[in-house]
Amino acid sequence: MAKGLKACKKCKALFDGDICPKCQSSQYSDSHKGRIFILNPEQSEIAKKLNIKSKGEYALKI
């Protein structure tokens, strides 16, 4: 787990602060396992399986 990063429980995005910049949710976890960087969600099979629609850094397991 990266220190200081939180994982959104709704969209799994990793972020700093108290509100998720992707979905505006305030529900998050301080612990997560695994990290994935999505650069092109339209062409990524992993992004499709994880239901990720925008590029960024995401947790694999919360």
PDB file of N, CA and C in Angstrom:
ATOM      1  N   MET A   1       0.836  -1.173   0.000  1.00  0.00           N
ATOM      2  CA  MET A   1       0.000   0.000   0.000  1.00  0.00           C
ATOM      3  C   MET A   1       0.884   1.240   0.000  1.00  0.00           C
ATOM      4  N   ALA A   2       0.564   2.190  -0.822  1.00  0.00           N
ATOM      5  CA  ALA A   2       1.298   3.450  -0.860  1.00  0.00           C
ATOM      6  C   ALA A   2       0.819   4.332   0.284  1.00  0.00           C
ATOM      7  N   LYS A   3       1.743   4.938   0.983  1.00  0.00           N
ATOM      8  CA  LYS A   3       1.367   5.787   2.116  1.00  0.00           C
ATOM      9  C   LYS A   3       0.645   7.031   1.623  1.00  0.00           C
ATOM     10  N   GLY A   4      -0.442   7.367   2.300  1.00  0.00           N
ATOM     11  CA  GLY A   4      -1.176   8.577   1.985  1.00  0.00           C
ATOM     12  C   GLY A   4      -2.264   8.400   0.942  1.00  0.00           C
ATOM     13  N   LEU A   5      -2.225   7.343   0.143  1.00  0.00           N
ATOM     14  CA  LEU A   5      -3.256   7.143  -0.866  1.00  0.00           C
ATOM     15  C   LEU A   5      -4.434   6.384  -0.265  1.00  0.00           C
ATOM     16  N   LYS A   6      -5.623   6.814  -0.633  1.00  0.00           N
ATOM     17  CA  LYS A   6      -6.853   6.170  -0.198  1.00  0.00           C
ATOM     18  C   LYS A   6      -7.515   5.545  -1.414  1.00  0.00           C
ATOM     19  N   ALA A   7      -8.274   4.491  -1.185  1.00  0.00           N
ATOM     20  CA  ALA A   7      -8.986   3.812  -2.263  1.00  0.00           C
ATOM     21  C   ALA A   7     -10.482   4.062  -2.111  1.00  0.00           C
ATOM     22  N   CYS A   8     -11.089   4.557  -3.164  1.00  0.00           N
ATOM     23  CA  CYS A   8     -12.531   4.811  -3.167  1.00  0.00           C
ATOM     24  C   CYS A   8     -13.275   3.473  -3.154  1.00  0.00           C
ATOM     25  N   LYS A   9     -14.228   3.329  -2.260  1.00  0.00           N
ATOM     26  CA  LYS A   9     -14.998   2.087  -2.175  1.00  0.00           C
ATOM     27  C   LYS A   9     -15.990   1.952  -3.320  1.00  0.00           C
ATOM     28  N   LYS A  10     -16.320   3.053  -3.958  1.00  0.00           N
ATOM     29  CA  LYS A  10     -17.305   3.038  -5.032  1.00  0.00           C
ATOM     30  C   LYS A  10     -16.675   2.719  -6.397  1.00  0.00           C
ATOM     31  N   CYS A  11     -15.561   3.421  -6.741  1.00  0.00           N
ATOM     32  CA  CYS A  11     -14.970   3.241  -8.076  1.00  0.00           C
ATOM     33  C   CYS A  11     -13.542   2.697  -8.050  1.00  0.00           C
ATOM     34  N   LYS A  12     -12.970   2.462  -6.866  1.00  0.00           N
ATOM     35  CA  LYS A  12     -11.631   1.904  -6.666  1.00  0.00           C
ATOM     36  C   LYS A  12     -10.490   2.833  -7.059  1.00  0.00           C
ATOM     37  N   ALA A  13     -10.762   4.088  -7.337  1.00  0.00           N
ATOM     38  CA  ALA A  13      -9.696   5.036  -7.688  1.00  0.00           C
ATOM     39  C   ALA A  13      -8.830   5.322  -6.468  1.00  0.00           C
ATOM     40  N   LEU A  14      -7.526   5.484  -6.696  1.00  0.00           N
ATOM     41  CA  LEU A  14      -6.602   5.861  -5.633  1.00  0.00           C
ATOM     42  C   LEU A  14      -6.439   7.370  -5.664  1.00  0.00           C
ATOM     43  N   PHE A  15      -6.485   7.995  -4.478  1.00  0.00           N
ATOM     44  CA  PHE A  15      -6.424   9.451  -4.429  1.00  0.00           C
ATOM     45  C   PHE A  15      -5.911   9.931  -3.083  1.00  0.00           C
ATOM     46  N   ASP A  16      -5.557  11.180  -3.026  1.00  0.00           N
ATOM     47  CA  ASP A  16      -5.180  11.888  -1.801  1.00  0.00           C
ATOM     48  C   ASP A  16      -6.342  12.796  -1.422  1.00  0.00           C
ATOM     49  N   GLY A  17      -6.594  12.991  -0.157  1.00  0.00           N
ATOM     50  CA  GLY A  17      -7.660  13.896   0.257  1.00  0.00           C
ATOM     51  C   GLY A  17      -8.826  13.144   0.863  1.00  0.00           C
ATOM     52  N   ASP A  18      -9.987  13.798   0.913  1.00  0.00           N
ATOM     53  CA  ASP A  18     -11.161  13.214   1.552  1.00  0.00           C
ATOM     54  C   ASP A  18     -12.296  12.880   0.593  1.00  0.00           C
ATOM     55  N   ILE A  19     -12.235  13.375  -0.648  1.00  0.00           N
ATOM     56  CA  ILE A  19     -13.288  13.120  -1.634  1.00  0.00           C
ATOM     57  C   ILE A  19     -12.653  12.594  -2.915  1.00  0.00           C
ATOM     58  N   CYS A  20     -13.226  11.535  -3.455  1.00  0.00           N
ATOM     59  CA  CYS A  20     -12.719  10.929  -4.682  1.00  0.00           C
ATOM     60  C   CYS A  20     -12.891  11.896  -5.858  1.00  0.00           C
ATOM     61  N   PRO A  21     -11.822  12.176  -6.592  1.00  0.00           N
ATOM     62  CA  PRO A  21     -11.940  13.094  -7.732  1.00  0.00           C
ATOM     63  C   PRO A  21     -12.678  12.484  -8.934  1.00  0.00           C
ATOM     64  N   LYS A  22     -12.799  11.160  -8.984  1.00  0.00           N
ATOM     65  CA  LYS A  22     -13.462  10.502 -10.114  1.00  0.00           C
ATOM     66  C   LYS A  22     -14.979  10.469  -9.954  1.00  0.00           C
ATOM     67  N   CYS A  23     -15.455  10.082  -8.752  1.00  0.00           N
ATOM     68  CA  CYS A  23     -16.901   9.904  -8.571  1.00  0.00           C
ATOM     69  C   CYS A  23     -17.494  10.778  -7.471  1.00  0.00           C
ATOM     70  N   GLN A  24     -16.674  11.596  -6.831  1.00  0.00           N
ATOM     71  CA  GLN A  24     -17.105  12.526  -5.780  1.00  0.00           C
ATOM     72  C   GLN A  24     -17.637  11.829  -4.531  1.00  0.00           C
ATOM     73  N   SER A  25     -17.289  10.570  -4.329  1.00  0.00           N
ATOM     74  CA  SER A  25     -17.716   9.835  -3.144  1.00  0.00           C
ATOM     75  C   SER A  25     -16.794  10.149  -1.970  1.00  0.00           C
ATOM     76  N   SER A  26     -17.348  10.110  -0.771  1.00  0.00           N
ATOM     77  CA  SER A  26     -16.526  10.323   0.426  1.00  0.00           C
ATOM     78  C   SER A  26     -16.315   9.006   1.179  1.00  0.00           C
ATOM     79  N   GLN A  27     -16.713   7.886   0.573  1.00  0.00           N
ATOM     80  CA  GLN A  27     -16.496   6.568   1.168  1.00  0.00           C
ATOM     81  C   GLN A  27     -15.194   6.003   0.623  1.00  0.00           C
ATOM     82  N   TYR A  28     -14.228   5.818   1.521  1.00  0.00           N
ATOM     83  CA  TYR A  28     -12.935   5.314   1.094  1.00  0.00           C
ATOM     84  C   TYR A  28     -12.323   4.419   2.151  1.00  0.00           C
ATOM     85  N   SER A  29     -11.279   3.714   1.756  1.00  0.00           N
ATOM     86  CA  SER A  29     -10.539   2.848   2.659  1.00  0.00           C
ATOM     87  C   SER A  29      -9.087   3.286   2.666  1.00  0.00           C
ATOM     88  N   ASP A  30      -8.463   3.209   3.825  1.00  0.00           N
ATOM     89  CA  ASP A  30      -7.044   3.545   3.933  1.00  0.00           C
ATOM     90  C   ASP A  30      -6.153   2.368   3.553  1.00  0.00           C
ATOM     91  N   SER A  31      -6.732   1.177   3.420  1.00  0.00           N
ATOM     92  CA  SER A  31      -5.924   0.015   3.051  1.00  0.00           C
ATOM     93  C   SER A  31      -6.463  -0.618   1.763  1.00  0.00           C
ATOM     94  N   HIS A  32      -5.554  -1.029   0.936  1.00  0.00           N
ATOM     95  CA  HIS A  32      -5.899  -1.695  -0.314  1.00  0.00           C
ATOM     96  C   HIS A  32      -4.741  -2.582  -0.738  1.00  0.00           C
ATOM     97  N   LYS A  33      -5.017  -3.510  -1.648  1.00  0.00           N
ATOM     98  CA  LYS A  33      -3.978  -4.401  -2.160  1.00  0.00           C
ATOM     99  C   LYS A  33      -3.960  -4.306  -3.675  1.00  0.00           C
ATOM    100  N   GLY A  34      -2.771  -4.211  -4.212  1.00  0.00           N
ATOM    101  CA  GLY A  34      -2.613  -4.152  -5.653  1.00  0.00           C
ATOM    102  C   GLY A  34      -2.925  -2.779  -6.198  1.00  0.00           C
ATOM    103  N   ARG A  35      -2.275  -2.498  -7.309  1.00  0.00           N
ATOM    104  CA  ARG A  35      -2.461  -1.191  -7.944  1.00  0.00           C
ATOM    105  C   ARG A  35      -2.346  -1.398  -9.452  1.00  0.00           C
ATOM    106  N   ILE A  36      -3.205  -0.698 -10.182  1.00  0.00           N
ATOM    107  CA  ILE A  36      -3.168  -0.786 -11.639  1.00  0.00           C
ATOM    108  C   ILE A  36      -3.276   0.625 -12.211  1.00  0.00           C
ATOM    109  N   PHE A  37      -2.531   0.855 -13.271  1.00  0.00           N
ATOM    110  CA  PHE A  37      -2.577   2.129 -13.975  1.00  0.00           C
ATOM    111  C   PHE A  37      -3.287   1.898 -15.303  1.00  0.00           C
ATOM    112  N   ILE A  38      -4.378   2.589 -15.518  1.00  0.00           N
ATOM    113  CA  ILE A  38      -5.135   2.477 -16.769  1.00  0.00           C
ATOM    114  C   ILE A  38      -4.820   3.703 -17.619  1.00  0.00           C
ATOM    115  N   LEU A  39      -4.268   3.459 -18.807  1.00  0.00           N
ATOM    116  CA  LEU A  39      -3.913   4.554 -19.708  1.00  0.00           C
ATOM    117  C   LEU A  39      -4.949   4.757 -20.802  1.00  0.00           C
ATOM    118  N   ASN A  40      -5.542   3.669 -21.271  1.00  0.00           N
ATOM    119  CA  ASN A  40      -6.523   3.757 -22.345  1.00  0.00           C
ATOM    120  C   ASN A  40      -7.676   2.799 -22.030  1.00  0.00           C
ATOM    121  N   PRO A  41      -8.678   3.250 -21.281  1.00  0.00           N
ATOM    122  CA  PRO A  41      -9.745   2.348 -20.848  1.00  0.00           C
ATOM    123  C   PRO A  41     -10.601   1.780 -21.985  1.00  0.00           C
ATOM    124  N   GLU A  42     -10.647   2.475 -23.118  1.00  0.00           N
ATOM    125  CA  GLU A  42     -11.453   1.983 -24.239  1.00  0.00           C
ATOM    126  C   GLU A  42     -10.847   0.733 -24.864  1.00  0.00           C
ATOM    127  N   GLN A  43      -9.526   0.592 -24.824  1.00  0.00           N
ATOM    128  CA  GLN A  43      -8.857  -0.544 -25.458  1.00  0.00           C
ATOM    129  C   GLN A  43      -8.348  -1.584 -24.463  1.00  0.00           C
ATOM    130  N   SER A  44      -8.457  -1.321 -23.186  1.00  0.00           N
ATOM    131  CA  SER A  44      -7.932  -2.222 -22.160  1.00  0.00           C
ATOM    132  C   SER A  44      -8.965  -3.272 -21.763  1.00  0.00           C
ATOM    133  N   GLU A  45      -8.608  -4.542 -21.921  1.00  0.00           N
ATOM    134  CA  GLU A  45      -9.492  -5.624 -21.508  1.00  0.00           C
ATOM    135  C   GLU A  45      -9.612  -5.661 -19.986  1.00  0.00           C
ATOM    136  N   ILE A  46      -8.542  -5.334 -19.283  1.00  0.00           N
ATOM    137  CA  ILE A  46      -8.573  -5.302 -17.818  1.00  0.00           C
ATOM    138  C   ILE A  46      -9.524  -4.217 -17.335  1.00  0.00           C
ATOM    139  N   ALA A  47      -9.463  -3.042 -17.954  1.00  0.00           N
ATOM    140  CA  ALA A  47     -10.368  -1.959 -17.573  1.00  0.00           C
ATOM    141  C   ALA A  47     -11.827  -2.359 -17.800  1.00  0.00           C
ATOM    142  N   LYS A  48     -12.088  -3.068 -18.875  1.00  0.00           N
ATOM    143  CA  LYS A  48     -13.456  -3.519 -19.146  1.00  0.00           C
ATOM    144  C   LYS A  48     -13.921  -4.510 -18.090  1.00  0.00           C
ATOM    145  N   LYS A  49     -13.041  -5.445 -17.693  1.00  0.00           N
ATOM    146  CA  LYS A  49     -13.410  -6.434 -16.678  1.00  0.00           C
ATOM    147  C   LYS A  49     -13.622  -5.789 -15.311  1.00  0.00           C
ATOM    148  N   LEU A  50     -12.848  -4.742 -15.006  1.00  0.00           N
ATOM    149  CA  LEU A  50     -12.981  -4.050 -13.727  1.00  0.00           C
ATOM    150  C   LEU A  50     -13.998  -2.912 -13.778  1.00  0.00           C
ATOM    151  N   ASN A  51     -14.613  -2.706 -14.936  1.00  0.00           N
ATOM    152  CA  ASN A  51     -15.622  -1.657 -15.148  1.00  0.00           C
ATOM    153  C   ASN A  51     -15.055  -0.256 -14.890  1.00  0.00           C
ATOM    154  N   ILE A  52     -13.848  -0.014 -15.412  1.00  0.00           N
ATOM    155  CA  ILE A  52     -13.181   1.276 -15.273  1.00  0.00           C
ATOM    156  C   ILE A  52     -13.364   2.043 -16.572  1.00  0.00           C
ATOM    157  N   LYS A  53     -13.874   3.268 -16.466  1.00  0.00           N
ATOM    158  CA  LYS A  53     -14.212   4.034 -17.661  1.00  0.00           C
ATOM    159  C   LYS A  53     -13.294   5.222 -17.932  1.00  0.00           C
ATOM    160  N   SER A  54     -12.389   5.572 -16.999  1.00  0.00           N
ATOM    161  CA  SER A  54     -11.485   6.697 -17.224  1.00  0.00           C
ATOM    162  C   SER A  54     -10.065   6.325 -16.802  1.00  0.00           C
ATOM    163  N   LYS A  55      -9.087   6.982 -17.417  1.00  0.00           N
ATOM    164  CA  LYS A  55      -7.699   6.648 -17.116  1.00  0.00           C
ATOM    165  C   LYS A  55      -7.334   7.128 -15.721  1.00  0.00           C
ATOM    166  N   GLY A  56      -6.368   6.442 -15.127  1.00  0.00           N
ATOM    167  CA  GLY A  56      -5.919   6.794 -13.785  1.00  0.00           C
ATOM    168  C   GLY A  56      -5.358   5.609 -13.048  1.00  0.00           C
ATOM    169  N   GLU A  57      -5.192   5.766 -11.747  1.00  0.00           N
ATOM    170  CA  GLU A  57      -4.608   4.760 -10.879  1.00  0.00           C
ATOM    171  C   GLU A  57      -5.711   4.174 -10.002  1.00  0.00           C
ATOM    172  N   TYR A  58      -5.799   2.847  -9.962  1.00  0.00           N
ATOM    173  CA  TYR A  58      -6.874   2.171  -9.255  1.00  0.00           C
ATOM    174  C   TYR A  58      -6.342   1.052  -8.368  1.00  0.00           C
ATOM    175  N   ALA A  59      -7.086   0.738  -7.302  1.00  0.00           N
ATOM    176  CA  ALA A  59      -6.779  -0.387  -6.427  1.00  0.00           C
ATOM    177  C   ALA A  59      -7.410  -1.651  -7.008  1.00  0.00           C
ATOM    178  N   LEU A  60      -6.729  -2.771  -6.861  1.00  0.00           N
ATOM    179  CA  LEU A  60      -7.291  -4.026  -7.324  1.00  0.00           C
ATOM    180  C   LEU A  60      -8.223  -4.650  -6.297  1.00  0.00           C
ATOM    181  N   LYS A  61      -7.851  -4.524  -5.011  1.00  0.00           N
ATOM    182  CA  LYS A  61      -8.677  -5.096  -3.950  1.00  0.00           C
ATOM    183  C   LYS A  61      -8.741  -4.125  -2.781  1.00  0.00           C
ATOM    184  N   ILE A  62      -9.943  -3.880  -2.318  1.00  0.00           N
ATOM    185  CA  ILE A  62     -10.140  -2.972  -1.186  1.00  0.00           C
ATOM    186  C   ILE A  62     -10.604  -3.772   0.005  1.00  0.00           C
TER     187      ILE A  62
END
